[in-house]
């Protein structure tokens, strides 16, 4: 999720791409970061990386070591990036886990009503 100049938020989707090569796959986190860069968002505009296994088999799903390294580099420009994961197989999005700089932090108790998240696959709240 990136913050635009008008303070609205935009969600950009990244997808894990598995290939049978020694170099490994492209994780969804890095794909999402690359998508943000290709949409001309600077690292300082990235607010949250949300991680989810759509099958629910791995819950919570946290970024791998390579993605953690990418996030560490980006945090040099933006130390406030959070990572959000969903703890249950049901993925009901009512319970979240949050990490900042690889450490667990308390999730927010409420979402600001002024925040609007939009994407090409729009999820809006007003």
Foldseek 3Di string as FASTA:
>chain_A
DFADPVRAAEAAWFDWDADPDPVTTDHRLNRRVVVCVVVVGQLQGAAEAEDEDLQLPDAFDDDDPVSLVVVVVSCVVHQRYKYKGGGGSVPPVPDIWIDGNNHTDDDDPDDDQVYFYQYPPGDGGD
